Amino acid sequence: MPNMKIHVDRSLTERAHRDIEASLGPLSMLLCERLNVNIDACQLAVIRVFGTANQPAVNVELSILPKADRTRQKLVELAGEIQQLLAAAATKGVAVRISQLDPATYIAAK
């Protein structure tokens, strides 16, 4: 159930916004491969934001449920891959944050 929100600063060029949108497919595939989930489990969204000049132009928040094979090292590597993929599109700073949710309190109504 990877839930990815990509906050993109409005100051980026329209081309960068289009390139980030075009990266959603490859990002979905990356999440499916690295987290061992089906494509229908992924939820990705790009959100245009007004940010300050001192922060990365692209800020990714990925929420996942914990699993034994989702070690800290694997998640650090995944964050780096996400960062690389989006940096090619954004050509500006990209921050990636990954949070593991508490399965006992997580609720999803779809």
C-alpha atoms as a PDB file:
ATOM      1  CA  MET A   1       0.000   0.000   0.000  1.00  0.00           C
ATOM      2  CA  PRO A   2       2.648   2.537  -0.866  1.00  0.00           C
ATOM      3  CA  ASN A   3       1.134   6.007  -0.675  1.00  0.00           C
ATOM      4  CA  MET A   4       3.395   8.595  -2.315  1.00  0.00           C
ATOM      5  CA  LYS A   5       2.799  12.326  -2.305  1.00  0.00           C
ATOM      6  CA  ILE A   6       5.158  14.385  -4.436  1.00  0.00           C
ATOM      7  CA  HIS A   7       5.077  18.046  -3.501  1.00  0.00           C
ATOM      8  CA  VAL A   8       6.433  20.090  -6.405  1.00  0.00           C
ATOM      9  CA  ASP A   9       7.202  23.783  -6.074  1.00  0.00           C
ATOM     10  CA  ARG A  10       5.279  25.930  -8.534  1.00  0.00           C
ATOM     11  CA  SER A  11       8.485  27.789  -9.407  1.00  0.00           C
ATOM     12  CA  LEU A  12       9.726  24.840 -11.479  1.00  0.00           C
ATOM     13  CA  THR A  13       9.330  25.113 -15.236  1.00  0.00           C
ATOM     14  CA  GLU A  14       6.314  23.611 -16.966  1.00  0.00           C
ATOM     15  CA  ARG A  15       8.665  21.142 -18.617  1.00  0.00           C
ATOM     16  CA  ALA A  16       9.871  19.996 -15.183  1.00  0.00           C
ATOM     17  CA  HIS A  17       6.251  19.570 -14.059  1.00  0.00           C
ATOM     18  CA  ARG A  18       5.502  17.496 -17.179  1.00  0.00           C
ATOM     19  CA  ASP A  19       8.657  15.413 -16.676  1.00  0.00           C
ATOM     20  CA  ILE A  20       7.724  14.745 -13.053  1.00  0.00           C
ATOM     21  CA  GLU A  21       4.244  13.701 -14.145  1.00  0.00           C
ATOM     22  CA  ALA A  22       5.793  11.412 -16.759  1.00  0.00           C
ATOM     23  CA  SER A  23       7.917   9.810 -14.028  1.00  0.00           C
ATOM     24  CA  LEU A  24       4.838   8.440 -12.219  1.00  0.00           C
ATOM     25  CA  GLY A  25       4.866   5.236 -14.294  1.00  0.00           C
ATOM     26  CA  PRO A  26       8.533   4.474 -13.621  1.00  0.00           C
ATOM     27  CA  LEU A  27       8.043   5.403  -9.949  1.00  0.00           C
ATOM     28  CA  SER A  28       5.128   2.965  -9.678  1.00  0.00           C
ATOM     29  CA  MET A  29       7.224   0.214 -11.203  1.00  0.00           C
ATOM     30  CA  LEU A  30      10.112   0.999  -8.849  1.00  0.00           C
ATOM     31  CA  LEU A  31       7.808   0.798  -5.817  1.00  0.00           C
ATOM     32  CA  CYS A  32       6.294  -2.474  -7.038  1.00  0.00           C
ATOM     33  CA  GLU A  33       9.712  -4.047  -7.538  1.00  0.00           C
ATOM     34  CA  ARG A  34      11.418  -2.813  -4.376  1.00  0.00           C
ATOM     35  CA  LEU A  35       8.448  -3.215  -2.018  1.00  0.00           C
ATOM     36  CA  ASN A  36       7.037  -6.365  -3.624  1.00  0.00           C
ATOM     37  CA  VAL A  37       3.518  -5.010  -4.188  1.00  0.00           C
ATOM     38  CA  ASN A  38       1.073  -5.044  -7.078  1.00  0.00           C
ATOM     39  CA  ILE A  39       0.532  -1.888  -9.121  1.00  0.00           C
ATOM     40  CA  ASP A  40      -3.053  -1.564  -7.869  1.00  0.00           C
ATOM     41  CA  ALA A  41      -1.734  -1.194  -4.306  1.00  0.00           C
ATOM     42  CA  CYS A  42       0.154   2.009  -5.188  1.00  0.00           C
ATOM     43  CA  GLN A  43      -1.275   5.498  -4.756  1.00  0.00           C
ATOM     44  CA  LEU A  44       0.809   8.333  -6.210  1.00  0.00           C
ATOM     45  CA  ALA A  45      -0.067  12.010  -6.366  1.00  0.00           C
ATOM     46  CA  VAL A  46       1.719  15.129  -7.550  1.00  0.00           C
ATOM     47  CA  ILE A  47       0.768  18.275  -5.654  1.00  0.00           C
ATOM     48  CA  ARG A  48       1.867  21.753  -6.697  1.00  0.00           C
ATOM     49  CA  VAL A  49       2.890  23.835  -3.718  1.00  0.00           C
ATOM     50  CA  PHE A  50       4.137  27.272  -2.823  1.00  0.00           C
ATOM     51  CA  GLY A  51       7.378  26.728  -0.940  1.00  0.00           C
ATOM     52  CA  THR A  52      10.204  28.802   0.363  1.00  0.00           C
ATOM     53  CA  ALA A  53      13.449  29.266  -1.568  1.00  0.00           C
ATOM     54  CA  ASN A  54      15.546  27.489   1.066  1.00  0.00           C
ATOM     55  CA  GLN A  55      13.874  24.090   0.706  1.00  0.00           C
ATOM     56  CA  PRO A  56      14.084  21.422  -2.012  1.00  0.00           C
ATOM     57  CA  ALA A  57      11.852  22.102  -5.013  1.00  0.00           C
ATOM     58  CA  VAL A  58      10.536  18.526  -4.840  1.00  0.00           C
ATOM     59  CA  ASN A  59       9.558  16.892  -1.554  1.00  0.00           C
ATOM     60  CA  VAL A  60       8.470  13.238  -1.591  1.00  0.00           C
ATOM     61  CA  GLU A  61       6.558  11.636   1.262  1.00  0.00           C
ATOM     62  CA  LEU A  62       6.193   7.874   1.027  1.00  0.00           C
ATOM     63  CA  SER A  63       4.036   6.034   3.577  1.00  0.00           C
ATOM     64  CA  ILE A  64       4.210   2.248   3.727  1.00  0.00           C
ATOM     65  CA  LEU A  65       3.226  -0.574   6.016  1.00  0.00           C
ATOM     66  CA  PRO A  66       6.183  -2.355   7.631  1.00  0.00           C
ATOM     67  CA  LYS A  67       7.288  -5.811   6.519  1.00  0.00           C
ATOM     68  CA  ALA A  68      10.208  -7.913   7.670  1.00  0.00           C
ATOM     69  CA  ASP A  69      12.069  -7.503   4.371  1.00  0.00           C
ATOM     70  CA  ARG A  70      11.709  -3.699   4.405  1.00  0.00           C
ATOM     71  CA  THR A  71      14.890  -3.127   6.336  1.00  0.00           C
ATOM     72  CA  ARG A  72      16.278   0.315   7.034  1.00  0.00           C
ATOM     73  CA  GLN A  73      19.045  -0.272   4.489  1.00  0.00           C
ATOM     74  CA  LYS A  74      16.571  -1.280   1.761  1.00  0.00           C
ATOM     75  CA  LEU A  75      14.455   1.802   2.457  1.00  0.00           C
ATOM     76  CA  VAL A  76      17.516   4.072   2.403  1.00  0.00           C
ATOM     77  CA  GLU A  77      18.425   2.590  -0.984  1.00  0.00           C
ATOM     78  CA  LEU A  78      14.853   3.044  -2.217  1.00  0.00           C
ATOM     79  CA  ALA A  79      14.889   6.693  -1.114  1.00  0.00           C
ATOM     80  CA  GLY A  80      18.078   7.186  -3.132  1.00  0.00           C
ATOM     81  CA  GLU A  81      16.532   5.596  -6.222  1.00  0.00           C
ATOM     82  CA  ILE A  82      13.420   7.772  -5.925  1.00  0.00           C
ATOM     83  CA  GLN A  83      15.614  10.823  -5.466  1.00  0.00           C
ATOM     84  CA  GLN A  84      17.667   9.984  -8.561  1.00  0.00           C
ATOM     85  CA  LEU A  85      14.628   9.339 -10.723  1.00  0.00           C
ATOM     86  CA  LEU A  86      12.946  12.612  -9.774  1.00  0.00           C
ATOM     87  CA  ALA A  87      16.149  14.684  -9.840  1.00  0.00           C
ATOM     88  CA  ALA A  88      16.501  13.834 -13.530  1.00  0.00           C
ATOM     89  CA  ALA A  89      13.037  15.303 -14.112  1.00  0.00           C
ATOM     90  CA  ALA A  90      13.175  18.245 -11.720  1.00  0.00           C
ATOM     91  CA  THR A  91      16.817  19.325 -12.188  1.00  0.00           C
ATOM     92  CA  LYS A  92      16.556  20.843  -8.685  1.00  0.00           C
ATOM     93  CA  GLY A  93      16.787  19.544  -5.131  1.00  0.00           C
ATOM     94  CA  VAL A  94      14.710  16.494  -4.214  1.00  0.00           C
ATOM     95  CA  ALA A  95      14.028  15.392  -0.624  1.00  0.00           C
ATOM     96  CA  VAL A  96      12.590  11.939   0.109  1.00  0.00           C
ATOM     97  CA  ARG A  97      11.032  10.872   3.390  1.00  0.00           C
ATOM     98  CA  ILE A  98       9.770   7.353   4.043  1.00  0.00           C
ATOM     99  CA  SER A  99       7.488   6.592   6.996  1.00  0.00           C
ATOM    100  CA  GLN A 100       6.295   3.200   8.154  1.00  0.00           C
ATOM    101  CA  LEU A 101       2.754   3.218   9.458  1.00  0.00           C
ATOM    102  CA  ASP A 102       1.492   1.356  12.502  1.00  0.00           C
ATOM    103  CA  PRO A 103      -0.563  -1.540  11.086  1.00  0.00           C
ATOM    104  CA  ALA A 104      -2.573  -1.765  14.324  1.00  0.00           C
ATOM    105  CA  THR A 105      -3.921   1.757  13.897  1.00  0.00           C
ATOM    106  CA  TYR A 106      -3.846   2.146  10.101  1.00  0.00           C
ATOM    107  CA  ILE A 107      -7.283   2.233   8.475  1.00  0.00           C
ATOM    108  CA  ALA A 108      -8.023   2.407   4.758  1.00  0.00           C
ATOM    109  CA  ALA A 109     -11.485   2.669   3.255  1.00  0.00           C
ATOM    110  CA  LYS A 110     -11.352   2.410  -0.517  1.00  0.00           C
END
